[in-house]
Amino acid sequence: MIKNVVSAAQAREEVRDYVAQELSLDPETIQTRVVFNRELPWVDGRTRPCFLVEWAEPNGRDGVALAGPYTHNFFEFTRADAYQLGAQNAWRQQLLNLYAGCELVVHARLTQTLTDVPDPTRLAVIKQSLQERSNWRVAVNVSLREFLRLGTDEYYIFNGSWVWNPHYHYSAVKGFMPFGDKTLMTLPKQEFIPVRSHSPFEALPEVGEDGAYPGELVSFIIVRNDQIIETRDLDLYTRTLMNQVATFYALGRDQGPFQIEMAEQQG
């Protein structure tokens, strides 16, 4: 549902009609309110009005949608979920990034050929690099979830988690440094390796009795071309939500144009 929304009244009406259509409800039964609006630079380089709209339907279901250059509702999130994505403007920024990510993905798939087909040789090289056992962290349980080509950039969204290499320690000055000459980590030859959460900045404990390795259960790993896009600033709850929309999150975070000044408290 695409519409150039330019006012708060239009945004409320647009989201109401959109949600009603998707849920097969009477539009008059849906409540909406604008919680954020700003003119922000859009992916086409122009400045466009953008409206973040909360909605609720009679049976208790609710959520957050965005209206502006086009309309999008995040059916993956309730309002309570959205609020858990950060402080007031932080959760708004996350949703704006997703909004831009959705647009970038849709545009790429409508205008580019072979968008969803990675080169198998390059894919194998990237997976091997993630799983390199001489690095300070080693990716395990890795499989490709989604691939997207955006212009000359290639985005790979992997399932997987990190385990910490015990042959490294963390230095506040130099980062992760090997203890000695040996850096090759030994991992069991099994299809699935259990991981338990542990900070890499602390001394690494031994592998647990349950066979779990100290590391980070990140659920998804994002690689742009040959560079890992770090997502370690996400807490577990936020990551669990973003796991459902990892591709949109990757694109919006990396290339999304919207930026809210976090010091502001505009409603």
Protein backbone atom coordinates (compact mmCIF):
# COMPACT_ATOMS: atom_id res chain seq x y z
CA MET A 1 0.00 0.00 0.00
CA ILE A 2 1.83 3.09 -1.24
CA LYS A 3 0.74 6.64 -0.70
CA ASN A 4 2.56 9.93 -0.28
CA VAL A 5 1.32 10.86 3.19
CA VAL A 6 2.05 14.48 4.09
CA SER A 7 0.06 15.14 7.30
CA ALA A 8 -0.63 13.51 10.64
CA ALA A 9 -4.34 13.19 9.79
CA GLN A 10 -3.51 11.41 6.54
CA ALA A 11 -1.04 9.15 8.37
CA ARG A 12 -3.64 8.07 10.93
CA GLU A 13 -6.19 7.38 8.19
CA GLU A 14 -3.69 5.53 6.01
CA VAL A 15 -2.52 3.23 8.82
CA ARG A 16 -6.11 2.63 9.95
CA ASP A 17 -7.15 1.56 6.45
CA TYR A 18 -4.01 -0.50 5.92
CA VAL A 19 -4.39 -2.47 9.16
CA ALA A 20 -8.12 -2.92 8.59
CA GLN A 21 -7.47 -4.36 5.16
CA GLU A 22 -4.76 -6.73 6.41
CA LEU A 23 -6.81 -7.96 9.38
CA SER A 24 -10.21 -7.87 7.61
CA LEU A 25 -11.68 -5.42 10.12
CA ASP A 26 -13.96 -2.41 9.98
CA PRO A 27 -11.64 0.64 9.74
CA GLU A 28 -13.86 2.56 12.17
CA THR A 29 -12.97 0.09 14.96
CA ILE A 30 -9.22 0.74 14.78
CA GLN A 31 -7.63 3.45 16.92
CA THR A 32 -4.50 5.25 15.72
CA ARG A 33 -2.23 8.01 17.01
CA VAL A 34 0.93 9.62 15.64
CA VAL A 35 3.84 9.29 18.10
CA PHE A 36 6.62 10.74 15.95
CA ASN A 37 6.76 12.88 12.82
CA ARG A 38 9.64 14.54 11.07
CA GLU A 39 10.83 15.45 7.59
CA LEU A 40 13.78 13.16 7.00
CA PRO A 41 15.99 12.34 3.99
CA TRP A 42 14.57 9.35 2.11
CA VAL A 43 16.41 6.72 0.04
CA ASP A 44 15.83 8.72 -3.15
CA GLY A 45 17.81 11.64 -1.75
CA ARG A 46 14.72 13.81 -1.22
CA THR A 47 13.41 14.98 2.13
CA ARG A 48 10.03 13.41 2.88
CA PRO A 49 7.55 13.62 5.78
CA CYS A 50 7.62 10.48 7.93
CA PHE A 51 5.03 9.45 10.53
CA LEU A 52 5.31 6.74 13.17
CA VAL A 53 1.77 5.62 14.07
CA GLU A 54 0.60 3.37 16.90
CA TRP A 55 -2.59 1.39 16.32
CA ALA A 56 -4.93 -0.85 18.33
CA GLU A 57 -7.90 -2.99 17.35
CA PRO A 58 -10.91 -3.96 19.52
CA ASN A 59 -9.71 -7.47 20.39
CA GLY A 60 -6.52 -6.17 21.97
CA ARG A 61 -4.07 -6.61 19.13
CA ASP A 62 -1.84 -3.59 18.58
CA GLY A 63 1.30 -2.47 16.83
CA VAL A 64 3.30 0.29 15.22
CA ALA A 65 3.30 1.33 11.55
CA LEU A 66 5.05 3.93 9.45
CA ALA A 67 3.51 6.18 6.80
CA GLY A 68 5.20 8.62 4.47
CA PRO A 69 6.77 7.79 1.09
CA TYR A 70 4.97 4.46 1.51
CA THR A 71 3.10 2.67 4.29
CA HIS A 72 4.44 -0.30 6.22
CA ASN A 73 3.19 -2.06 9.32
CA PHE A 74 5.47 -4.19 11.51
CA PHE A 75 3.16 -7.09 12.21
CA GLU A 76 6.14 -8.83 13.86
CA PHE A 77 6.00 -6.36 16.78
CA THR A 78 3.40 -5.33 19.31
CA ARG A 79 3.62 -1.85 20.83
CA ALA A 80 5.21 -3.41 23.92
CA ASP A 81 7.81 -5.11 21.72
CA ALA A 82 8.61 -1.82 20.01
CA TYR A 83 9.14 -0.07 23.35
CA GLN A 84 11.69 -2.75 24.29
CA LEU A 85 13.88 -1.84 21.34
CA GLY A 86 15.40 1.00 23.35
CA ALA A 87 14.65 4.33 25.01
CA GLN A 88 12.09 6.70 23.48
CA ASN A 89 13.97 7.78 20.38
CA ALA A 90 16.08 4.61 20.20
CA TRP A 91 13.09 2.36 19.49
CA ARG A 92 11.82 4.88 16.98
CA GLN A 93 15.22 4.84 15.26
CA GLN A 94 15.17 1.04 15.07
CA LEU A 95 11.76 1.10 13.38
CA LEU A 96 12.78 3.87 11.00
CA ASN A 97 15.83 1.80 10.03
CA LEU A 98 13.60 -1.19 9.38
CA TYR A 99 11.28 1.04 7.34
CA ALA A 100 14.15 2.15 5.11
CA GLY A 101 15.49 -1.41 4.96
CA CYS A 102 12.13 -2.69 3.69
CA GLU A 103 12.14 -0.08 0.94
CA LEU A 104 15.74 -0.85 -0.07
CA VAL A 105 15.07 -4.59 -0.25
CA VAL A 106 11.85 -4.20 -2.22
CA HIS A 107 13.47 -1.75 -4.65
CA ALA A 108 16.45 -4.07 -5.20
CA ARG A 109 14.24 -7.05 -5.91
CA LEU A 110 12.06 -5.11 -8.34
CA THR A 111 14.89 -3.54 -10.32
CA GLN A 112 17.83 -5.98 -10.23
CA THR A 113 18.28 -9.39 -11.79
CA LEU A 114 19.72 -12.40 -9.95
CA THR A 115 19.28 -10.53 -6.66
CA ASP A 116 18.69 -13.69 -4.64
CA VAL A 117 21.42 -15.85 -6.18
CA PRO A 118 24.90 -15.65 -4.59
CA ASP A 119 28.01 -16.91 -6.34
CA PRO A 120 28.65 -20.36 -4.78
CA THR A 121 32.43 -19.97 -4.79
CA ARG A 122 32.30 -16.59 -3.06
CA LEU A 123 29.74 -17.91 -0.58
CA ALA A 124 32.05 -20.81 0.31
CA VAL A 125 34.98 -18.41 0.86
CA ILE A 126 32.91 -16.19 3.18
CA LYS A 127 31.63 -19.15 5.21
CA GLN A 128 35.17 -20.50 5.51
CA SER A 129 36.37 -17.11 6.72
CA LEU A 130 33.63 -16.96 9.38
CA GLN A 131 34.54 -20.45 10.55
CA GLU A 132 38.31 -19.89 10.54
CA ARG A 133 39.49 -21.52 13.76
CA SER A 134 42.58 -19.31 14.16
CA ASN A 135 40.48 -16.15 14.67
CA TRP A 136 39.62 -14.74 18.10
CA ARG A 137 36.00 -15.76 17.49
CA VAL A 138 34.75 -18.64 15.40
CA ALA A 139 31.30 -18.90 13.80
CA VAL A 140 29.50 -22.20 14.41
CA ASN A 141 26.19 -23.72 13.26
CA VAL A 142 26.47 -21.54 10.15
CA SER A 143 24.01 -21.64 7.24
CA LEU A 144 22.96 -19.01 4.72
CA ARG A 145 19.53 -17.60 5.46
CA GLU A 146 19.24 -14.89 2.84
CA PHE A 147 21.29 -13.12 0.20
CA LEU A 148 20.68 -9.71 -1.33
CA ARG A 149 22.56 -7.68 -3.91
CA LEU A 150 22.12 -3.93 -3.56
CA GLY A 151 23.95 -2.12 -6.35
CA THR A 152 27.53 -3.33 -6.09
CA ASP A 153 27.16 -4.45 -2.47
CA GLU A 154 26.31 -8.02 -1.51
CA TYR A 155 24.61 -8.80 1.81
CA TYR A 156 24.73 -12.27 3.33
CA ILE A 157 22.49 -13.05 6.31
CA PHE A 158 23.69 -16.21 8.06
CA ASN A 159 22.20 -18.27 10.84
CA GLY A 160 24.90 -18.95 13.40
CA SER A 161 26.58 -18.08 16.67
CA TRP A 162 30.08 -17.18 17.84
CA VAL A 163 32.36 -19.17 20.14
CA TRP A 164 35.39 -17.52 21.72
CA ASN A 165 38.84 -18.87 20.94
CA PRO A 166 40.58 -19.69 24.28
CA HIS A 167 44.00 -18.95 22.74
CA TYR A 168 43.21 -15.22 22.81
CA HIS A 169 42.85 -12.63 25.54
CA TYR A 170 41.46 -9.11 25.44
CA SER A 171 43.63 -6.03 25.82
CA ALA A 172 41.95 -2.65 26.31
CA VAL A 173 44.81 -1.13 24.30
CA LYS A 174 45.39 -3.68 21.51
CA GLY A 175 42.11 -5.57 21.37
CA PHE A 176 42.12 -9.37 21.08
CA MET A 177 45.65 -10.75 21.23
CA PRO A 178 46.92 -14.36 21.09
CA PHE A 179 48.53 -15.79 24.22
CA GLY A 180 51.30 -17.42 22.20
CA ASP A 181 52.05 -19.01 18.85
CA LYS A 182 49.15 -21.46 18.96
CA THR A 183 45.88 -19.90 17.81
CA LEU A 184 44.08 -22.81 16.11
CA MET A 185 40.97 -23.69 18.09
CA THR A 186 39.86 -27.31 18.38
CA LEU A 187 36.17 -27.91 17.81
CA PRO A 188 34.28 -31.22 17.83
CA LYS A 189 33.27 -32.67 14.48
CA GLN A 190 29.55 -32.59 15.02
CA GLU A 191 26.69 -31.03 13.13
CA PHE A 192 25.53 -28.73 15.94
CA ILE A 193 27.81 -27.15 18.56
CA PRO A 194 26.08 -25.88 21.73
CA VAL A 195 26.97 -22.34 22.82
CA ARG A 196 26.47 -20.60 26.16
CA SER A 197 26.58 -16.83 26.51
CA HIS A 198 29.76 -15.42 27.99
CA SER A 199 31.50 -12.05 27.69
CA PRO A 200 34.64 -12.24 25.51
CA PHE A 201 36.22 -9.49 27.62
CA GLU A 202 36.54 -11.82 30.62
CA ALA A 203 38.78 -14.83 31.07
CA LEU A 204 37.25 -17.73 29.17
CA PRO A 205 36.07 -20.69 31.26
CA GLU A 206 36.49 -24.32 30.22
CA VAL A 207 33.90 -25.98 28.04
CA GLY A 208 30.91 -26.78 30.27
CA GLU A 209 29.85 -30.24 31.35
CA ASP A 210 27.01 -30.00 28.84
CA GLY A 211 29.56 -29.56 26.06
CA ALA A 212 28.63 -25.93 25.46
CA TYR A 213 31.35 -23.52 24.39
CA PRO A 214 31.59 -19.99 25.82
CA GLY A 215 30.47 -17.51 23.19
CA GLU A 216 27.53 -15.48 21.96
CA LEU A 217 24.19 -16.82 20.77
CA VAL A 218 23.70 -14.16 18.12
CA SER A 219 21.13 -16.05 15.95
CA PHE A 220 22.16 -14.12 12.84
CA ILE A 221 25.47 -12.91 11.40
CA ILE A 222 25.48 -10.14 8.79
CA VAL A 223 28.23 -9.85 6.18
CA ARG A 224 28.44 -7.07 3.61
CA ASN A 225 30.79 -8.16 0.83
CA ASP A 226 33.63 -9.50 3.01
CA GLN A 227 33.02 -7.36 6.11
CA ILE A 228 31.08 -8.40 9.20
CA ILE A 229 28.49 -5.83 10.28
CA GLU A 230 28.77 -5.82 14.05
CA THR A 231 25.53 -6.27 15.99
CA ARG A 232 26.96 -6.95 19.45
CA ASP A 233 25.28 -3.83 20.86
CA LEU A 234 21.87 -5.57 20.64
CA ASP A 235 20.58 -7.08 23.87
CA LEU A 236 19.00 -10.54 23.78
CA TYR A 237 15.41 -9.29 23.62
CA THR A 238 16.12 -6.86 20.80
CA ARG A 239 18.08 -9.48 18.88
CA THR A 240 15.22 -11.97 19.25
CA LEU A 241 12.84 -9.47 17.66
CA MET A 242 15.27 -8.40 14.95
CA ASN A 243 15.96 -12.05 14.15
CA GLN A 244 12.54 -12.11 12.47
CA VAL A 245 13.46 -9.25 10.12
CA ALA A 246 17.24 -9.61 9.92
CA THR A 247 17.58 -8.67 6.24
CA PHE A 248 15.57 -5.46 6.60
CA TYR A 249 17.50 -4.68 9.77
CA ALA A 250 20.84 -5.17 8.00
CA LEU A 251 19.98 -2.89 5.09
CA GLY A 252 18.30 -0.21 7.17
CA ARG A 253 21.06 -0.07 9.75
CA ASP A 254 23.81 -0.02 7.14
CA GLN A 255 22.28 2.24 4.48
CA GLY A 256 19.06 3.64 5.90
CA PRO A 257 18.98 7.45 5.60
CA PHE A 258 16.79 8.28 8.60
CA GLN A 259 18.63 9.57 11.67
CA ILE A 260 16.89 10.77 14.83
CA GLU A 261 18.82 12.96 17.23
CA MET A 262 18.85 10.76 20.33
CA ALA A 263 18.91 13.74 22.69
CA GLU A 264 15.54 14.91 21.43
CA GLN A 265 12.33 13.97 23.18
CA GLN A 266 9.84 15.02 20.55
CA GLY A 267 6.52 13.17 20.65
